[in-house]
């Protein structure tokens, strides 16, 4: 499950990965054991939309930036660590 510790600039990336993995019933520890997790695991469009709704305000608050900037940061994060969408 996602930890309850304070989310900072240093741990937001791991937090978001953990959050998205929890949405599909996987854990961060499972991802560490599977080098191909990013290619093998998928989410639905609904899960991806829910993740985006969660992540953008969190990024905005954590980095103290505007919505456009936080959407850009999310875009880069999602390209690197986001799960593929498969319905």
N, C-alpha and C. Protein backbone atom coordinates (compact mmCIF):
# COMPACT_ATOMS: atom_id res chain seq x y z
N UNK A 1 0.84 -1.19 0.00
CA UNK A 1 0.00 0.00 0.00
C UNK A 1 0.88 1.24 0.00
N UNK A 2 0.31 2.34 -0.39
CA UNK A 2 1.03 3.60 -0.45
C UNK A 2 1.28 4.08 0.97
N UNK A 3 2.50 4.56 1.23
CA UNK A 3 2.87 4.99 2.57
C UNK A 3 2.20 6.31 2.95
N UNK A 4 2.15 6.58 4.23
CA UNK A 4 1.52 7.79 4.76
C UNK A 4 2.55 8.88 5.07
N UNK A 5 3.81 8.68 4.67
CA UNK A 5 4.82 9.68 4.98
C UNK A 5 4.59 10.94 4.16
N UNK A 6 5.17 12.03 4.62
CA UNK A 6 5.03 13.32 3.93
C UNK A 6 5.64 13.22 2.54
N UNK A 7 4.92 13.71 1.56
CA UNK A 7 5.40 13.66 0.18
C UNK A 7 6.23 14.92 -0.08
N UNK A 8 7.45 14.69 -0.54
CA UNK A 8 8.39 15.78 -0.81
C UNK A 8 8.90 15.67 -2.24
N UNK A 9 9.69 16.64 -2.64
CA UNK A 9 10.32 16.59 -3.97
C UNK A 9 11.20 15.36 -4.12
N UNK A 10 11.77 14.92 -3.03
CA UNK A 10 12.68 13.78 -3.08
C UNK A 10 11.96 12.44 -3.23
N UNK A 11 10.73 12.33 -2.73
CA UNK A 11 10.07 11.02 -2.76
C UNK A 11 8.79 10.98 -3.61
N UNK A 12 8.44 12.06 -4.27
CA UNK A 12 7.19 12.08 -5.03
C UNK A 12 7.20 11.07 -6.18
N UNK A 13 8.34 10.88 -6.83
CA UNK A 13 8.41 9.91 -7.92
C UNK A 13 8.08 8.51 -7.46
N UNK A 14 8.71 8.08 -6.39
CA UNK A 14 8.44 6.75 -5.85
C UNK A 14 7.00 6.66 -5.37
N UNK A 15 6.51 7.71 -4.75
CA UNK A 15 5.13 7.71 -4.27
C UNK A 15 4.15 7.50 -5.43
N UNK A 16 4.36 8.23 -6.52
CA UNK A 16 3.46 8.10 -7.67
C UNK A 16 3.53 6.72 -8.31
N UNK A 17 4.72 6.16 -8.39
CA UNK A 17 4.85 4.79 -8.92
C UNK A 17 4.11 3.82 -8.00
N UNK A 18 4.32 3.95 -6.70
CA UNK A 18 3.62 3.08 -5.74
C UNK A 18 2.10 3.23 -5.86
N UNK A 19 1.63 4.45 -6.00
CA UNK A 19 0.20 4.71 -6.11
C UNK A 19 -0.38 4.03 -7.35
N UNK A 20 0.28 4.21 -8.48
CA UNK A 20 -0.21 3.62 -9.72
C UNK A 20 -0.16 2.09 -9.67
N UNK A 21 0.88 1.54 -9.11
CA UNK A 21 0.96 0.08 -8.99
C UNK A 21 -0.13 -0.46 -8.07
N UNK A 22 -0.42 0.26 -6.99
CA UNK A 22 -1.48 -0.18 -6.07
C UNK A 22 -2.83 -0.21 -6.79
N UNK A 23 -3.02 0.68 -7.75
CA UNK A 23 -4.27 0.72 -8.51
C UNK A 23 -4.50 -0.57 -9.30
N UNK A 24 -3.42 -1.24 -9.69
CA UNK A 24 -3.55 -2.48 -10.48
C UNK A 24 -3.25 -3.72 -9.65
N UNK A 25 -3.13 -3.53 -8.35
CA UNK A 25 -2.92 -4.68 -7.46
C UNK A 25 -1.49 -5.18 -7.42
N UNK A 26 -0.54 -4.33 -7.75
CA UNK A 26 0.89 -4.70 -7.70
C UNK A 26 1.58 -3.84 -6.65
N UNK A 27 2.80 -4.24 -6.28
CA UNK A 27 3.57 -3.49 -5.30
C UNK A 27 4.88 -3.01 -5.90
N UNK A 28 5.46 -2.02 -5.26
CA UNK A 28 6.75 -1.49 -5.67
C UNK A 28 7.82 -2.59 -5.57
N UNK A 29 7.71 -3.41 -4.55
CA UNK A 29 8.67 -4.48 -4.33
C UNK A 29 8.61 -5.50 -5.47
N UNK A 30 7.40 -5.78 -5.96
CA UNK A 30 7.25 -6.68 -7.12
C UNK A 30 7.92 -6.07 -8.35
N UNK A 31 7.77 -4.76 -8.52
CA UNK A 31 8.38 -4.08 -9.66
C UNK A 31 9.91 -4.16 -9.59
N UNK A 32 10.46 -4.06 -8.39
CA UNK A 32 11.91 -4.14 -8.24
C UNK A 32 12.44 -5.52 -8.62
N UNK A 33 11.62 -6.55 -8.48
CA UNK A 33 12.03 -7.91 -8.81
C UNK A 33 11.85 -8.24 -10.30
N UNK A 34 11.11 -7.41 -11.03
CA UNK A 34 10.79 -7.67 -12.44
C UNK A 34 11.30 -6.52 -13.31
N UNK A 35 12.42 -6.74 -13.98
CA UNK A 35 13.01 -5.69 -14.81
C UNK A 35 12.09 -5.23 -15.94
N UNK A 36 11.15 -6.05 -16.31
CA UNK A 36 10.28 -5.75 -17.44
C UNK A 36 8.88 -5.28 -17.00
N UNK A 37 8.71 -4.88 -15.75
CA UNK A 37 7.40 -4.52 -15.24
C UNK A 37 6.75 -3.42 -16.06
N UNK A 38 7.52 -2.47 -16.50
CA UNK A 38 6.96 -1.33 -17.23
C UNK A 38 6.36 -1.77 -18.57
N UNK A 39 6.84 -2.88 -19.11
CA UNK A 39 6.32 -3.39 -20.38
C UNK A 39 5.23 -4.44 -20.19
N UNK A 40 5.27 -5.15 -19.08
CA UNK A 40 4.36 -6.27 -18.85
C UNK A 40 3.05 -5.89 -18.17
N UNK A 41 3.05 -4.84 -17.37
CA UNK A 41 1.87 -4.48 -16.61
C UNK A 41 1.13 -3.35 -17.30
N UNK A 42 -0.18 -3.40 -17.28
CA UNK A 42 -0.99 -2.38 -17.93
C UNK A 42 -2.09 -1.90 -17.00
N UNK A 43 -2.72 -0.81 -17.39
CA UNK A 43 -3.87 -0.29 -16.66
C UNK A 43 -4.97 0.03 -17.66
N UNK A 44 -6.15 0.27 -17.17
CA UNK A 44 -7.26 0.64 -18.04
C UNK A 44 -7.24 2.16 -18.25
N UNK A 45 -8.00 2.62 -19.23
CA UNK A 45 -8.10 4.06 -19.46
C UNK A 45 -8.68 4.76 -18.23
N UNK A 46 -9.65 4.11 -17.59
CA UNK A 46 -10.26 4.67 -16.39
C UNK A 46 -9.22 4.83 -15.27
N UNK A 47 -8.39 3.81 -15.09
CA UNK A 47 -7.33 3.88 -14.06
C UNK A 47 -6.32 4.97 -14.41
N UNK A 48 -5.98 5.09 -15.68
CA UNK A 48 -5.03 6.12 -16.10
C UNK A 48 -5.59 7.52 -15.85
N UNK A 49 -6.87 7.70 -16.12
CA UNK A 49 -7.52 9.00 -15.86
C UNK A 49 -7.55 9.31 -14.37
N UNK A 50 -7.86 8.30 -13.56
CA UNK A 50 -7.88 8.48 -12.11
C UNK A 50 -6.49 8.84 -11.59
N UNK A 51 -5.47 8.16 -12.11
CA UNK A 51 -4.10 8.45 -11.70
C UNK A 51 -3.71 9.88 -12.05
N UNK A 52 -4.08 10.31 -13.23
CA UNK A 52 -3.76 11.68 -13.67
C UNK A 52 -4.46 12.70 -12.77
N UNK A 53 -5.72 12.45 -12.42
CA UNK A 53 -6.47 13.36 -11.54
C UNK A 53 -5.81 13.45 -10.16
N UNK A 54 -5.21 12.36 -9.72
CA UNK A 54 -4.53 12.34 -8.43
C UNK A 54 -3.16 13.03 -8.53
N UNK A 55 -2.42 12.72 -9.58
CA UNK A 55 -1.02 13.14 -9.68
C UNK A 55 -0.84 14.63 -9.94
N UNK A 56 -1.62 15.21 -10.83
CA UNK A 56 -1.38 16.61 -11.21
C UNK A 56 -1.54 17.57 -10.03
N UNK A 57 -2.63 17.50 -9.25
CA UNK A 57 -2.70 18.39 -8.07
C UNK A 57 -1.58 18.13 -7.05
N UNK A 58 -1.18 16.87 -6.90
CA UNK A 58 -0.10 16.55 -5.98
C UNK A 58 1.22 17.16 -6.46
N UNK A 59 1.49 17.07 -7.73
CA UNK A 59 2.70 17.68 -8.31
C UNK A 59 2.65 19.19 -8.13
N UNK A 60 1.49 19.77 -8.40
CA UNK A 60 1.31 21.23 -8.27
C UNK A 60 1.63 21.68 -6.84
N UNK A 61 1.09 20.94 -5.87
CA UNK A 61 1.31 21.29 -4.46
C UNK A 61 2.76 21.07 -4.05
N UNK A 62 3.34 19.95 -4.45
CA UNK A 62 4.69 19.59 -4.02
C UNK A 62 5.74 20.53 -4.60
N UNK A 63 5.58 20.87 -5.88
CA UNK A 63 6.58 21.71 -6.54
C UNK A 63 6.21 23.19 -6.54
N UNK A 64 5.03 23.50 -5.97
CA UNK A 64 4.56 24.88 -5.90
C UNK A 64 4.60 25.55 -7.28
N UNK A 65 3.94 24.91 -8.24
CA UNK A 65 3.92 25.43 -9.61
C UNK A 65 2.47 25.52 -10.08
N UNK A 66 2.27 26.15 -11.24
CA UNK A 66 0.91 26.28 -11.75
C UNK A 66 0.44 24.99 -12.43
N UNK A 67 -0.83 24.97 -12.82
CA UNK A 67 -1.42 23.76 -13.38
C UNK A 67 -0.73 23.35 -14.68
N UNK A 68 -0.43 24.30 -15.54
CA UNK A 68 0.22 23.98 -16.81
C UNK A 68 1.58 23.32 -16.60
N UNK A 69 2.34 23.86 -15.70
CA UNK A 69 3.66 23.30 -15.39
C UNK A 69 3.53 21.90 -14.79
N UNK A 70 2.56 21.73 -13.87
CA UNK A 70 2.38 20.41 -13.25
C UNK A 70 1.91 19.39 -14.28
N UNK A 71 1.10 19.80 -15.26
CA UNK A 71 0.70 18.89 -16.33
C UNK A 71 1.90 18.47 -17.17
N UNK A 72 2.81 19.42 -17.42
CA UNK A 72 4.04 19.10 -18.15
C UNK A 72 4.92 18.12 -17.39
N UNK A 73 5.08 18.36 -16.10
CA UNK A 73 5.88 17.45 -15.27
C UNK A 73 5.25 16.06 -15.27
N UNK A 74 3.92 16.02 -15.13
CA UNK A 74 3.23 14.73 -15.17
C UNK A 74 3.46 14.03 -16.50
N UNK A 75 3.41 14.78 -17.58
CA UNK A 75 3.64 14.19 -18.90
C UNK A 75 4.99 13.51 -19.00
N UNK A 76 6.02 14.17 -18.52
CA UNK A 76 7.37 13.58 -18.53
C UNK A 76 7.43 12.35 -17.62
N UNK A 77 6.85 12.48 -16.44
CA UNK A 77 6.83 11.34 -15.50
C UNK A 77 6.11 10.15 -16.12
N UNK A 78 4.96 10.41 -16.72
CA UNK A 78 4.15 9.34 -17.28
C UNK A 78 4.84 8.67 -18.47
N UNK A 79 5.58 9.43 -19.25
CA UNK A 79 6.34 8.83 -20.34
C UNK A 79 7.40 7.87 -19.82
N UNK A 80 8.01 8.23 -18.72
CA UNK A 80 9.10 7.43 -18.15
C UNK A 80 8.60 6.24 -17.33
N UNK A 81 7.58 6.46 -16.50
CA UNK A 81 7.17 5.45 -15.52
C UNK A 81 5.71 5.04 -15.60
N UNK A 82 4.93 5.67 -16.44
CA UNK A 82 3.51 5.36 -16.52
C UNK A 82 3.25 4.01 -17.17
N UNK A 83 2.19 3.36 -16.72
CA UNK A 83 1.81 2.08 -17.27
C UNK A 83 1.12 2.27 -18.63
N UNK A 84 1.30 1.29 -19.50
CA UNK A 84 0.60 1.31 -20.78
C UNK A 84 -0.89 1.13 -20.52
N UNK A 85 -1.69 1.74 -21.39
CA UNK A 85 -3.14 1.61 -21.27
C UNK A 85 -3.61 0.49 -22.18
N UNK A 86 -4.37 -0.43 -21.58
CA UNK A 86 -4.90 -1.54 -22.36
C UNK A 86 -6.30 -1.85 -21.84
N UNK A 87 -7.28 -1.63 -22.68
CA UNK A 87 -8.66 -1.93 -22.27
C UNK A 87 -9.13 -3.23 -22.85
